Protein backbone atom coordinates (compact mmCIF):
# COMPACT_ATOMS: atom_id res chain seq x y z
CA UNK A 1 243.33 -23.79 7.21
CA UNK A 2 244.98 -27.09 8.27
CA UNK A 3 247.49 -25.24 10.50
CA UNK A 4 244.69 -23.30 12.19
CA UNK A 5 242.75 -26.51 12.81
CA UNK A 6 245.86 -28.24 14.32
CA UNK A 7 246.58 -25.28 16.54
CA UNK A 8 242.93 -25.26 17.71
CA UNK A 9 243.04 -28.93 18.76
CA UNK A 10 246.37 -28.41 20.53
CA UNK A 11 244.93 -25.58 22.62
CA UNK A 12 241.86 -27.67 23.48
CA UNK A 13 244.09 -30.60 24.50
CA UNK A 14 246.02 -28.33 26.84
CA UNK A 15 242.88 -26.93 28.43
CA UNK A 16 241.31 -30.28 29.27
CA UNK A 17 243.74 -31.16 32.13
CA UNK A 18 243.42 -27.63 33.50
CA UNK A 19 239.63 -27.84 33.52
CA UNK A 20 239.86 -31.23 35.25
CA UNK A 21 242.11 -29.81 37.98
CA UNK A 22 239.89 -26.79 38.55
CA UNK A 23 236.69 -28.82 38.76
CA UNK A 24 238.24 -31.47 41.00
CA UNK A 25 239.38 -28.80 43.45
CA UNK A 26 235.84 -27.41 43.79
CA UNK A 27 233.97 -28.51 46.86
CA UNK A 28 230.56 -29.96 46.25
CA UNK A 29 228.07 -27.24 47.11
CA UNK A 30 225.67 -28.09 49.91
CA UNK A 31 221.99 -28.13 49.05
CA UNK A 32 220.16 -24.96 49.98
CA UNK A 33 218.52 -25.30 53.34
CA UNK A 34 214.73 -25.08 53.30
CA UNK A 35 213.43 -21.98 55.03
CA UNK A 36 209.66 -21.94 54.58
CA UNK A 37 206.80 -24.38 54.27
CA UNK A 38 205.73 -25.00 50.68
CA UNK A 39 202.13 -25.56 49.59
CA UNK A 40 200.46 -26.95 46.47
CA UNK A 41 196.88 -27.29 45.26
CA UNK A 42 196.35 -30.63 43.52
CA UNK A 43 193.64 -31.27 40.96
CA UNK A 44 193.67 -27.64 39.78
CA UNK A 45 195.30 -26.35 36.62
CA UNK A 46 197.04 -23.03 36.15
CA UNK A 47 196.15 -21.91 32.59
CA UNK A 48 198.25 -18.74 32.78
CA UNK A 49 200.62 -19.83 35.53
CA UNK A 50 199.31 -17.15 37.88
CA UNK A 51 195.83 -18.31 38.91
CA UNK A 52 194.10 -21.63 39.56
CA UNK A 53 191.05 -22.95 37.71
CA UNK A 54 188.51 -25.02 39.59
CA UNK A 55 185.17 -26.59 38.83
CA UNK A 56 182.28 -24.67 40.36
CA UNK A 57 180.78 -27.97 41.57
CA UNK A 58 183.68 -28.89 43.89
CA UNK A 59 182.83 -29.26 47.58
CA UNK A 60 186.26 -28.65 49.07
CA UNK A 61 189.64 -27.09 48.36
CA UNK A 62 192.65 -29.23 49.24
CA UNK A 63 195.99 -27.72 50.29
CA UNK A 64 199.02 -29.98 50.63
CA UNK A 65 202.07 -28.73 52.53
CA UNK A 66 205.48 -30.36 52.28
CA UNK A 67 205.57 -30.98 56.05
CA UNK A 68 202.85 -31.79 58.56
CA UNK A 69 201.38 -28.58 59.94
CA UNK A 70 200.36 -27.60 63.46
CA UNK A 71 196.56 -27.61 63.47
CA UNK A 72 196.45 -24.89 66.12
CA UNK A 73 198.27 -22.48 63.79
CA UNK A 74 195.94 -23.08 60.85
CA UNK A 75 192.78 -21.64 62.43
CA UNK A 76 192.67 -17.92 61.72
CA UNK A 77 195.48 -18.11 59.17
CA UNK A 78 193.28 -18.96 56.15
CA UNK A 79 190.84 -16.47 54.67
CA UNK A 80 188.59 -17.08 51.65
CA UNK A 81 186.76 -14.23 49.89
CA UNK A 82 185.31 -12.84 46.67
CA UNK A 83 184.11 -9.43 45.44
CA UNK A 84 181.24 -9.51 47.97
CA UNK A 85 183.55 -9.90 50.97
CA UNK A 86 184.82 -12.64 53.29
CA UNK A 87 183.21 -16.07 52.90
CA UNK A 88 182.46 -18.11 56.01
CA UNK A 89 180.55 -21.04 54.51
CA UNK A 90 183.26 -23.63 55.11
CA UNK A 91 185.07 -25.57 57.83
CA UNK A 92 188.83 -26.09 57.99
CA UNK A 93 189.99 -29.67 58.44
CA UNK A 94 193.67 -30.45 59.07
CA UNK A 95 195.21 -33.90 58.69
CA UNK A 96 198.99 -34.11 58.77
CA UNK A 97 200.30 -32.12 55.83
CA UNK A 98 196.84 -31.72 54.30
CA UNK A 99 194.45 -28.86 54.98
CA UNK A 100 190.92 -28.82 53.57
CA UNK A 101 188.42 -26.02 53.14
CA UNK A 102 185.29 -28.15 53.43
CA UNK A 103 182.26 -26.27 52.08
CA UNK A 104 179.05 -26.54 54.07
CA UNK A 105 175.82 -27.77 52.52
CA UNK A 106 174.33 -24.26 52.33
CA UNK A 107 177.31 -22.81 50.38
CA UNK A 108 177.82 -23.19 46.63
CA UNK A 109 180.57 -21.73 44.51
CA UNK A 110 179.36 -19.44 41.73
CA UNK A 111 180.09 -20.25 38.11
CA UNK A 112 182.57 -18.10 36.21
CA UNK A 113 183.53 -16.39 39.46
CA UNK A 114 186.75 -15.05 40.90
CA UNK A 115 187.79 -16.07 44.42
CA UNK A 116 190.85 -15.39 46.55
CA UNK A 117 192.49 -17.57 49.19
CA UNK A 118 194.93 -16.03 51.67
CA UNK A 119 197.25 -18.43 53.48
CA UNK A 120 198.76 -16.45 56.35
CA UNK A 121 202.22 -16.46 57.84
CA UNK A 122 200.92 -17.77 61.15
CA UNK A 123 200.98 -21.38 59.93
CA UNK A 124 203.85 -23.48 61.29
CA UNK A 125 205.03 -27.04 60.82
CA UNK A 126 204.35 -29.48 63.66
CA UNK A 127 207.84 -29.16 65.13
CA UNK A 128 207.80 -25.40 64.60
CA UNK A 129 210.91 -25.54 62.43
CA UNK A 130 209.30 -24.22 59.25
CA UNK A 131 207.08 -21.14 59.19
CA UNK A 132 204.95 -20.24 56.16
CA UNK A 133 205.51 -17.22 53.96
CA UNK A 134 202.15 -15.52 53.35
CA UNK A 135 200.53 -16.15 49.97
CA UNK A 136 197.34 -14.95 48.31
CA UNK A 137 196.07 -17.26 45.57
CA UNK A 138 193.54 -16.40 42.88
CA UNK A 139 191.02 -19.10 41.96
CA UNK A 140 188.53 -18.95 39.08
CA UNK A 141 185.56 -21.26 38.68
CA UNK A 142 184.51 -22.65 35.31
CA UNK A 143 181.06 -22.37 33.78
CA UNK A 144 178.88 -25.44 33.45
CA UNK A 145 179.01 -26.73 29.85
CA UNK A 146 175.85 -26.17 27.80
CA UNK A 147 175.27 -29.91 27.57
CA UNK A 148 174.67 -29.98 31.31
CA UNK A 149 172.15 -27.14 31.05
CA UNK A 150 169.85 -28.68 28.44
CA UNK A 151 166.35 -28.79 29.88
CA UNK A 152 167.24 -26.83 33.03
CA UNK A 153 165.61 -23.72 31.49
CA UNK A 154 167.38 -21.18 33.67
CA UNK A 155 166.25 -17.57 33.35
CA UNK A 156 169.59 -15.83 33.94
CA UNK A 157 169.97 -14.73 30.29
CA UNK A 158 173.53 -13.48 30.79
CA UNK A 159 174.93 -15.42 27.84
CA UNK A 160 176.09 -14.30 24.40
CA UNK A 161 176.10 -16.92 21.60
CA UNK A 162 178.22 -16.34 18.48
CA UNK A 163 178.15 -18.14 15.14
CA UNK A 164 179.50 -17.23 11.72
CA UNK A 165 180.30 -18.41 8.20
CA UNK A 166 177.21 -20.40 7.31
CA UNK A 167 177.70 -19.70 3.57
CA UNK A 168 174.20 -20.47 2.36
CA UNK A 169 173.82 -20.44 -1.43
CA UNK A 170 170.71 -20.47 -3.61
CA UNK A 171 169.16 -23.66 -4.98
CA UNK A 172 171.53 -23.58 -7.99
CA UNK A 173 174.50 -23.81 -5.64
CA UNK A 174 173.07 -26.86 -3.89
CA UNK A 175 172.23 -28.79 -7.03
CA UNK A 176 175.40 -27.64 -8.80
CA UNK A 177 177.72 -28.88 -6.03
CA UNK A 178 179.38 -25.51 -5.45
CA UNK A 179 177.72 -24.70 -2.12
CA UNK A 180 179.65 -24.90 1.14
CA UNK A 181 176.50 -25.37 3.25
CA UNK A 182 173.87 -28.10 3.44
CA UNK A 183 175.22 -31.12 5.27
CA UNK A 184 175.07 -29.27 8.59
CA UNK A 185 171.62 -27.74 8.06
CA UNK A 186 169.94 -30.14 10.52
CA UNK A 187 172.61 -29.45 13.13
CA UNK A 188 172.20 -25.69 12.75
CA UNK A 189 168.42 -26.00 13.05
CA UNK A 190 168.89 -28.01 16.24
CA UNK A 191 171.25 -25.37 17.62
CA UNK A 192 168.81 -22.55 16.82
CA UNK A 193 166.01 -24.52 18.49
CA UNK A 194 168.15 -24.71 21.60
CA UNK A 195 168.74 -20.95 21.51
CA UNK A 196 165.03 -20.30 21.18
CA UNK A 197 163.76 -22.85 23.71
CA UNK A 198 166.23 -22.27 26.52
CA UNK A 199 166.30 -19.03 28.49
CA UNK A 200 170.02 -18.49 28.80
CA UNK A 201 171.01 -16.51 25.68
CA UNK A 202 170.46 -12.76 25.71
CA UNK A 203 171.98 -12.21 22.27
CA UNK A 204 172.71 -14.44 19.29
CA UNK A 205 175.27 -12.75 17.05
CA UNK A 206 175.94 -13.91 13.49
CA UNK A 207 179.42 -12.68 12.59
CA UNK A 208 178.95 -12.55 8.83
CA UNK A 209 178.73 -14.79 5.77
CA UNK A 210 175.26 -16.11 6.47
CA UNK A 211 174.74 -15.79 2.71
CA UNK A 212 177.27 -16.50 -0.03
CA UNK A 213 177.29 -14.32 -3.15
CA UNK A 214 180.92 -15.09 -4.01
CA UNK A 215 180.86 -18.84 -4.61
CA UNK A 216 179.23 -18.73 -8.06
CA UNK A 217 181.00 -20.37 -11.02
CA UNK A 218 182.37 -17.68 -13.32
CA UNK A 219 180.49 -19.10 -16.31
CA UNK A 220 177.16 -18.67 -14.48
CA UNK A 221 175.22 -15.45 -14.08
CA UNK A 222 174.91 -14.27 -10.46
CA UNK A 223 171.62 -12.59 -11.35
CA UNK A 224 169.61 -14.74 -13.78
CA UNK A 225 166.00 -13.84 -14.72
CA UNK A 226 165.40 -17.49 -15.56
CA UNK A 227 165.61 -18.14 -11.80
CA UNK A 228 163.75 -14.98 -10.85
CA UNK A 229 166.96 -13.21 -9.85
CA UNK A 230 167.44 -9.76 -11.39
CA UNK A 231 169.33 -7.92 -8.64
CA UNK A 232 171.06 -8.30 -5.29
CA UNK A 233 167.81 -8.18 -3.31
CA UNK A 234 166.30 -11.00 -5.33
CA UNK A 235 169.50 -13.03 -5.01
CA UNK A 236 169.38 -12.91 -1.23
CA UNK A 237 165.67 -13.70 -1.26
CA UNK A 238 166.43 -16.71 -3.49
CA UNK A 239 169.02 -17.91 -0.98
CA UNK A 240 166.56 -17.53 1.89
CA UNK A 241 163.88 -19.43 -0.05
CA UNK A 242 166.11 -22.35 -1.03
CA UNK A 243 164.62 -25.59 0.38
CA UNK A 244 167.86 -26.35 2.22
CA UNK A 245 167.97 -22.94 3.85
CA UNK A 246 164.29 -22.33 4.60
CA UNK A 247 164.27 -24.22 7.94
CA UNK A 248 167.27 -22.16 9.11
CA UNK A 249 165.69 -18.87 8.04
CA UNK A 250 162.40 -19.79 9.73
CA UNK A 251 164.17 -20.36 13.02
CA UNK A 252 166.12 -17.12 12.73
CA UNK A 253 162.84 -15.29 12.10
CA UNK A 254 161.34 -16.89 15.21
CA UNK A 255 164.30 -15.80 17.34
CA UNK A 256 164.31 -12.26 15.93
CA UNK A 257 160.55 -11.81 16.45
CA UNK A 258 160.62 -13.10 20.02
CA UNK A 259 161.25 -11.15 23.19
CA UNK A 260 163.84 -13.38 24.88
CA UNK A 261 166.87 -13.29 22.57
CA UNK A 262 168.12 -10.46 20.37
CA UNK A 263 169.43 -11.49 16.95
CA UNK A 264 172.34 -9.37 15.67
CA UNK A 265 173.89 -9.50 12.21
CA UNK A 266 177.39 -8.32 11.24
CA UNK A 267 178.03 -8.36 7.46
CA UNK A 268 180.82 -10.55 6.08
CA UNK A 269 182.81 -10.50 2.87
CA UNK A 270 180.79 -13.17 1.04
CA UNK A 271 177.66 -11.08 1.64
CA UNK A 272 179.18 -7.58 1.61
CA UNK A 273 176.56 -6.48 -0.97
CA UNK A 274 173.81 -7.26 1.56
CA UNK A 275 172.06 -4.16 2.92
CA UNK A 276 170.11 -3.48 6.07
CA UNK A 277 166.74 -3.18 4.33
CA UNK A 278 167.17 -6.56 2.61
CA UNK A 279 168.23 -8.49 5.72
CA UNK A 280 165.36 -6.90 7.66
CA UNK A 281 162.95 -7.94 4.88
CA UNK A 282 164.20 -11.53 5.08
CA UNK A 283 164.42 -11.66 8.90
CA UNK A 284 162.15 -9.01 10.46
CA UNK A 285 163.36 -7.86 13.84
CA UNK A 286 167.04 -8.62 13.25
CA UNK A 287 169.49 -5.97 14.44
CA UNK A 288 171.87 -4.74 11.75
CA UNK A 289 175.43 -4.08 13.00
CA UNK A 290 176.91 -2.55 9.84
CA UNK A 291 179.08 0.55 10.01
CA UNK A 292 180.53 1.33 6.54
CA UNK A 293 179.34 -0.40 3.34
CA UNK A 294 180.29 -4.08 3.38
CA UNK A 295 181.56 -4.01 6.96
CA UNK A 296 180.30 -3.98 10.52
CA UNK A 297 181.15 -4.45 14.18
CA UNK A 298 179.28 -5.04 17.41
CA UNK A 299 180.06 -4.07 20.99
CA UNK A 300 177.65 -6.14 23.12
CA UNK A 301 179.24 -5.36 26.49
CA UNK A 302 182.06 -3.32 27.96
CA UNK A 303 185.45 -4.33 26.57
CA UNK A 304 184.09 -6.87 24.02
CA UNK A 305 184.30 -6.22 20.28
CA UNK A 306 183.08 -8.43 17.44
CA UNK A 307 183.61 -8.33 13.66
CA UNK A 308 183.64 -10.71 10.73
CA UNK A 309 187.36 -9.97 10.25
CA UNK A 310 187.63 -9.16 6.53
CA UNK A 311 188.19 -5.47 7.29
CA UNK A 312 191.86 -6.40 7.73
CA UNK A 313 192.15 -8.78 4.77
CA UNK A 314 193.69 -7.13 1.68
CA UNK A 315 192.09 -9.62 -0.73
CA UNK A 316 188.63 -9.66 0.86
CA UNK A 317 187.84 -6.20 2.29
CA UNK A 318 185.75 -3.66 0.33
CA UNK A 319 187.91 -1.84 -2.23
CA UNK A 320 185.78 1.24 -3.13
CA UNK A 321 188.73 3.48 -4.04
CA UNK A 322 190.42 1.23 -6.58
CA UNK A 323 187.49 0.94 -8.99
CA UNK A 324 185.06 3.81 -8.31
CA UNK A 325 181.44 2.73 -8.29
CA UNK A 326 182.33 -0.83 -7.22
CA UNK A 327 183.62 -2.33 -4.01
CA UNK A 328 184.23 -6.02 -4.74
CA UNK A 329 187.86 -6.95 -3.95
CA UNK A 330 190.20 -9.37 -5.78
CA UNK A 331 189.04 -12.24 -3.56
CA UNK A 332 185.62 -12.16 -5.22
CA UNK A 333 187.02 -13.05 -8.64
CA UNK A 334 189.29 -15.73 -7.18
CA UNK A 335 186.21 -17.22 -5.48
CA UNK A 336 184.31 -17.24 -8.78
CA UNK A 337 187.04 -19.40 -10.30
CA UNK A 338 187.17 -21.56 -7.18
CA UNK A 339 183.41 -22.16 -7.45
CA UNK A 340 183.89 -23.17 -11.08
CA UNK A 341 186.35 -25.80 -9.90
CA UNK A 342 183.86 -27.12 -7.34
CA UNK A 343 181.11 -27.13 -9.95
CA UNK A 344 183.07 -29.03 -12.60
CA UNK A 345 185.16 -31.29 -10.35
CA UNK A 346 184.10 -34.35 -8.38
CA UNK A 347 186.55 -33.34 -5.65
CA UNK A 348 185.04 -31.06 -3.04
CA UNK A 349 186.99 -27.97 -2.12
CA UNK A 350 188.33 -26.82 1.21
CA UNK A 351 186.41 -24.58 3.52
CA UNK A 352 188.05 -21.36 2.50
CA UNK A 353 190.50 -20.30 -0.11
CA UNK A 354 193.95 -19.89 1.45
CA UNK A 355 196.50 -17.64 -0.15
CA UNK A 356 200.17 -18.65 -0.33
CA UNK A 357 201.77 -17.87 3.02
CA UNK A 358 204.94 -16.08 1.91
CA UNK A 359 206.20 -12.58 1.21
CA UNK A 360 204.41 -11.30 -1.88
CA UNK A 361 202.45 -8.32 -3.13
CA UNK A 362 199.30 -8.10 -5.17
CA UNK A 363 200.39 -9.59 -8.50
CA UNK A 364 202.17 -12.51 -6.88
CA UNK A 365 199.18 -13.20 -4.63
CA UNK A 366 196.73 -12.97 -7.53
CA UNK A 367 198.80 -15.31 -9.71
CA UNK A 368 199.42 -17.75 -6.87
CA UNK A 369 195.70 -17.85 -6.10
CA UNK A 370 194.81 -18.89 -9.63
CA UNK A 371 197.60 -21.45 -9.87
CA UNK A 372 196.46 -22.97 -6.56
CA UNK A 373 192.85 -23.22 -7.73
CA UNK A 374 193.72 -24.80 -11.09
CA UNK A 375 196.01 -27.32 -9.40
CA UNK A 376 193.47 -28.23 -6.71
CA UNK A 377 190.66 -29.02 -9.15
CA UNK A 378 192.88 -30.14 -12.03
CA UNK A 379 191.37 -27.35 -14.12
CA UNK A 380 192.55 -26.02 -17.40
CA UNK A 381 193.42 -22.35 -17.32
CA UNK A 382 190.40 -20.30 -18.42
CA UNK A 383 190.80 -17.80 -21.27
CA UNK A 384 192.11 -15.05 -19.03
CA UNK A 385 191.62 -12.26 -21.61
CA UNK A 386 188.11 -13.27 -22.65
CA UNK A 387 184.94 -11.86 -21.10
CA UNK A 388 184.08 -15.11 -19.34
CA UNK A 389 183.25 -13.90 -15.82
CA UNK A 390 179.54 -13.20 -15.98
CA UNK A 391 178.44 -10.35 -13.71
CA UNK A 392 174.89 -9.47 -14.87
CA UNK A 393 174.68 -6.48 -12.55
CA UNK A 394 176.50 -7.78 -9.48
CA UNK A 395 178.14 -4.80 -7.73
CA UNK A 396 177.17 -2.59 -10.65
CA UNK A 397 179.07 -4.55 -13.31
CA UNK A 398 176.48 -4.77 -16.15
CA UNK A 399 178.53 -6.99 -18.46
CA UNK A 400 180.92 -9.90 -18.30
CA UNK A 401 184.56 -9.16 -17.44
CA UNK A 402 187.84 -10.98 -17.94
CA UNK A 403 190.19 -12.15 -15.21
CA UNK A 404 193.09 -10.26 -16.78
CA UNK A 405 190.89 -7.20 -17.14
CA UNK A 406 190.11 -7.18 -13.43
CA UNK A 407 193.75 -7.78 -12.62
CA UNK A 408 194.69 -4.74 -14.69
CA UNK A 409 192.06 -2.60 -12.99
CA UNK A 410 193.45 -3.44 -9.56
CA UNK A 411 197.06 -3.16 -10.72
CA UNK A 412 196.85 -0.04 -12.92
CA UNK A 413 194.74 1.79 -10.35
CA UNK A 414 197.51 0.95 -7.88
CA UNK A 415 195.61 -1.04 -5.29
CA UNK A 416 198.68 -1.12 -3.05
CA UNK A 417 199.27 2.66 -3.13
CA UNK A 418 195.61 3.22 -2.25
CA UNK A 419 195.75 0.74 0.63
CA UNK A 420 196.23 3.34 3.36
CA UNK A 421 193.33 5.44 2.06
CA UNK A 422 191.24 2.28 1.68
CA UNK A 423 191.83 1.43 5.32
CA UNK A 424 190.77 4.91 6.35
CA UNK A 425 187.60 4.59 4.24
CA UNK A 426 186.90 1.18 5.79
CA UNK A 427 187.35 2.45 9.34
CA UNK A 428 190.43 0.40 10.21
CA UNK A 429 191.43 1.51 13.75
CA UNK A 430 195.18 0.89 13.32
CA UNK A 431 196.52 0.92 9.72
CA UNK A 432 198.56 -2.13 8.70
CA UNK A 433 200.89 -2.92 5.82
CA UNK A 434 199.88 -4.67 2.60
CA UNK A 435 201.91 -7.73 3.54
CA UNK A 436 200.26 -8.11 6.95
CA UNK A 437 196.85 -7.56 5.34
CA UNK A 438 197.58 -10.33 2.83
CA UNK A 439 198.55 -12.73 5.61
CA UNK A 440 195.33 -11.83 7.44
CA UNK A 441 193.53 -13.81 4.76
CA UNK A 442 194.62 -16.95 6.56
CA UNK A 443 195.55 -15.78 10.07
CA UNK A 444 193.50 -13.14 11.90
CA UNK A 445 195.34 -13.36 15.21
CA UNK A 446 197.75 -10.50 14.26
CA UNK A 447 194.75 -8.32 13.35
CA UNK A 448 193.10 -8.95 16.73
CA UNK A 449 196.30 -8.05 18.56
CA UNK A 450 197.28 -5.01 16.48
CA UNK A 451 193.81 -3.52 16.14
CA UNK A 452 192.36 -4.03 19.60
CA UNK A 453 194.45 -5.86 22.18
CA UNK A 454 197.80 -4.04 22.11
CA UNK A 455 196.31 -0.62 22.77
CA UNK A 456 193.12 1.25 23.43
CA UNK A 457 191.03 1.86 20.31
CA UNK A 458 188.74 4.88 20.20
CA UNK A 459 189.51 5.38 23.91
CA UNK A 460 188.25 1.89 24.74
CA UNK A 461 190.36 -0.87 26.25
CA UNK A 462 189.17 -4.10 24.66
CA UNK A 463 189.77 -7.37 26.46
CA UNK A 464 187.85 -9.83 24.26
CA UNK A 465 187.97 -9.78 20.45
CA UNK A 466 185.80 -12.13 18.41
CA UNK A 467 186.20 -12.74 14.65
CA UNK A 468 184.92 -15.21 12.08
CA UNK A 469 186.11 -15.22 8.43
CA UNK A 470 189.07 -17.62 8.71
CA UNK A 471 186.93 -20.73 9.45
CA UNK A 472 189.55 -21.56 12.08
CA UNK A 473 187.86 -21.91 15.50
CA UNK A 474 189.92 -21.27 18.61
CA UNK A 475 190.52 -19.29 21.78
CA UNK A 476 193.88 -17.58 22.30
CA UNK A 477 195.00 -15.73 25.43
CA UNK A 478 197.59 -12.94 25.61
CA UNK A 479 199.36 -10.89 28.24
CA UNK A 480 200.00 -7.16 27.98
CA UNK A 481 202.60 -5.06 29.81
CA UNK A 482 200.46 -5.01 32.95
CA UNK A 483 200.22 -8.84 32.89
CA UNK A 484 196.52 -8.50 32.13
CA UNK A 485 195.19 -11.45 30.17
CA UNK A 486 193.35 -10.68 26.94
CA UNK A 487 191.47 -13.03 24.64
CA UNK A 488 191.05 -13.45 20.90
CA UNK A 489 188.39 -15.97 19.89
CA UNK A 490 187.26 -17.22 16.49
CA UNK A 491 183.81 -18.71 16.05
CA UNK A 492 184.75 -21.01 13.15
CA UNK A 493 182.08 -22.08 10.65
CA UNK A 494 179.07 -24.32 9.87
CA UNK A 495 180.14 -25.37 6.39
CA UNK A 496 180.23 -28.95 5.16
CA UNK A 497 182.65 -31.08 7.19
CA UNK A 498 184.74 -32.41 4.32
CA UNK A 499 185.26 -28.94 2.95
CA UNK A 500 186.26 -27.68 6.39
CA UNK A 501 188.74 -30.48 7.16
CA UNK A 502 191.11 -30.56 8.99
CA UNK A 503 189.46 -27.73 10.90
CA UNK A 504 186.35 -28.35 12.98
CA UNK A 505 182.95 -27.34 11.66
CA UNK A 506 179.67 -26.66 13.54
CA UNK A 507 181.54 -24.52 16.07
CA UNK A 508 180.31 -21.55 18.06
CA UNK A 509 181.31 -19.31 20.93
CA UNK A 510 179.52 -18.79 24.22
CA UNK A 511 180.59 -15.62 26.00
CA UNK A 512 179.56 -14.68 29.53
CA UNK A 513 180.25 -10.93 29.88
CA UNK A 514 181.08 -9.83 33.41
CA UNK A 515 178.87 -6.81 32.87
CA UNK A 516 175.85 -9.10 32.46
CA UNK A 517 176.58 -11.72 35.10
CA UNK A 518 177.83 -9.49 37.91
CA UNK A 519 181.07 -11.47 38.01
CA UNK A 520 184.57 -10.05 37.83
CA UNK A 521 185.31 -12.42 34.95
CA UNK A 522 184.43 -12.47 31.29
CA UNK A 523 184.30 -16.14 30.30
CA UNK A 524 184.73 -17.31 26.69
CA UNK A 525 183.89 -20.89 25.71
CA UNK A 526 184.32 -22.66 22.35
CA UNK A 527 181.93 -25.49 21.45
CA UNK A 528 181.30 -27.93 18.63
CA UNK A 529 177.77 -29.16 17.97
CA UNK A 530 177.93 -32.94 17.41
CA UNK A 531 175.65 -35.92 17.11
CA UNK A 532 175.22 -37.89 20.31
CA UNK A 533 173.25 -41.13 20.74
CA UNK A 534 170.58 -40.49 23.32
CA UNK A 535 169.59 -43.58 25.31
CA UNK A 536 166.65 -41.70 26.78
CA UNK A 537 165.01 -40.71 23.50
CA UNK A 538 166.38 -43.77 21.64
CA UNK A 539 167.43 -41.54 18.78
CA UNK A 540 170.39 -39.52 17.63
CA UNK A 541 170.41 -35.91 18.72
CA UNK A 542 172.86 -33.01 18.61
CA UNK A 543 174.57 -31.82 21.75
CA UNK A 544 177.21 -29.15 22.38
CA UNK A 545 180.69 -30.40 23.26
CA UNK A 546 183.04 -28.03 25.04
CA UNK A 547 186.40 -27.64 23.28
CA UNK A 548 188.11 -24.94 25.36
CA UNK A 549 187.45 -22.20 27.88
CA UNK A 550 189.24 -19.04 28.99
CA UNK A 551 188.46 -16.20 31.38
CA UNK A 552 189.68 -12.67 31.96
CA UNK A 553 189.17 -10.29 34.90
CA UNK A 554 186.90 -7.31 34.33
CA UNK A 555 188.83 -4.16 33.44
């Protein structure tokens, strides 16, 4: 080894002088001579690197060339248009290297609109040395944030509002400190008042988990006659009648019974035992968007698809084939233990249970889930073989069960081998592996891409996918082979802030479908509803704060 190393350094030492000679003999290359005028548009971002984003309130468009331009060559060389045709509501002003499209008083840019600006090859620099190579630029205007629309009371009604993951429990959950909802009840009521009072929202969609039938300590009975709860229907009625939740339910009833805004419900995993007749009894006039038991989806406009997201989550999707007569998945029993930790511990839990993010199959995931929960709440391991998980009729389980007993049911009935058939039963468009489905418990972006954005599903090309479930709000844009931008958005949650941290709570989506607005763009906006000190009303009030925005051309 030492001889090889010595020989290596000797060769390198011999090459150094040779490299020096070769590089010293090279002539310094001359800089490439400029051929064409170059132009830039300041004060505009390029979110995807291919189009420019501008505020719809701007009154001019500024072009800056790298050399002063001949004013006489500018006239007739710039054309501005949209889907309706050529636009003439502007004057062109040239000053040295700057050219302005100065909009006249009677012309206003439309919000969420797609414009094109052609800069023709007739433009020349002042001395005529540099011509311009023709370019056509795409410009997209933003939508006005909701905070700027409060009180305007516009009647366009081309807006879709999306919320999810409220996780309301019954009065036992609130007093027992195992409920994820309550601290944001006033904020949610304020938001629903806005939806009802303003005339901009055509549909309000709740993407699941309005109710929470999973977060119940395992030592407590889900259905308890002492609280007037004997079955699933009475459980959901008890949740709706809880003092914390009543103001929210009242506002949802008002929206659903009105004529301005449709209220749509997609079932989630924490309320997968909810049925259409029960939700319609609680909120008359609500539109049920379920498809197969425990699941649902909604297609409000062309190319837009919405789900809760648990259809693609191995631990949280309905599992009707593994244990015939029941459909609760492993995640339900993990949540029961998690709720026990919240109930008995002074430390509040996180917003959602997160499985270990590594390569594992069912047994490893199950074991890791329990170890995580015990560590988080400093719990002693429950008697895993004892019948300690009270069921009292939930999902058809008449008696208490043990954690190990449920593990054996899933394991011995080969939950992994039945996964493909389970996906078919659950209406999964594109089957995925067990490992990917396990990871979907924490990250739903792969599911959005694989199920809807990579390909057409059921002969439909989807361009916007909206999920809840993960409690992780965000907007993500993607490019396909045709360089067509597509969007996955997550609506986040309205659970208690400390339990949601570090993720944002009180988040929602506002979607402007092109089909409704007449635009060529679908616009997706993510908001958080926060307290803001109002100097006008001399009191604290909630206002929507824009977090991010993305747009996509109509297919």
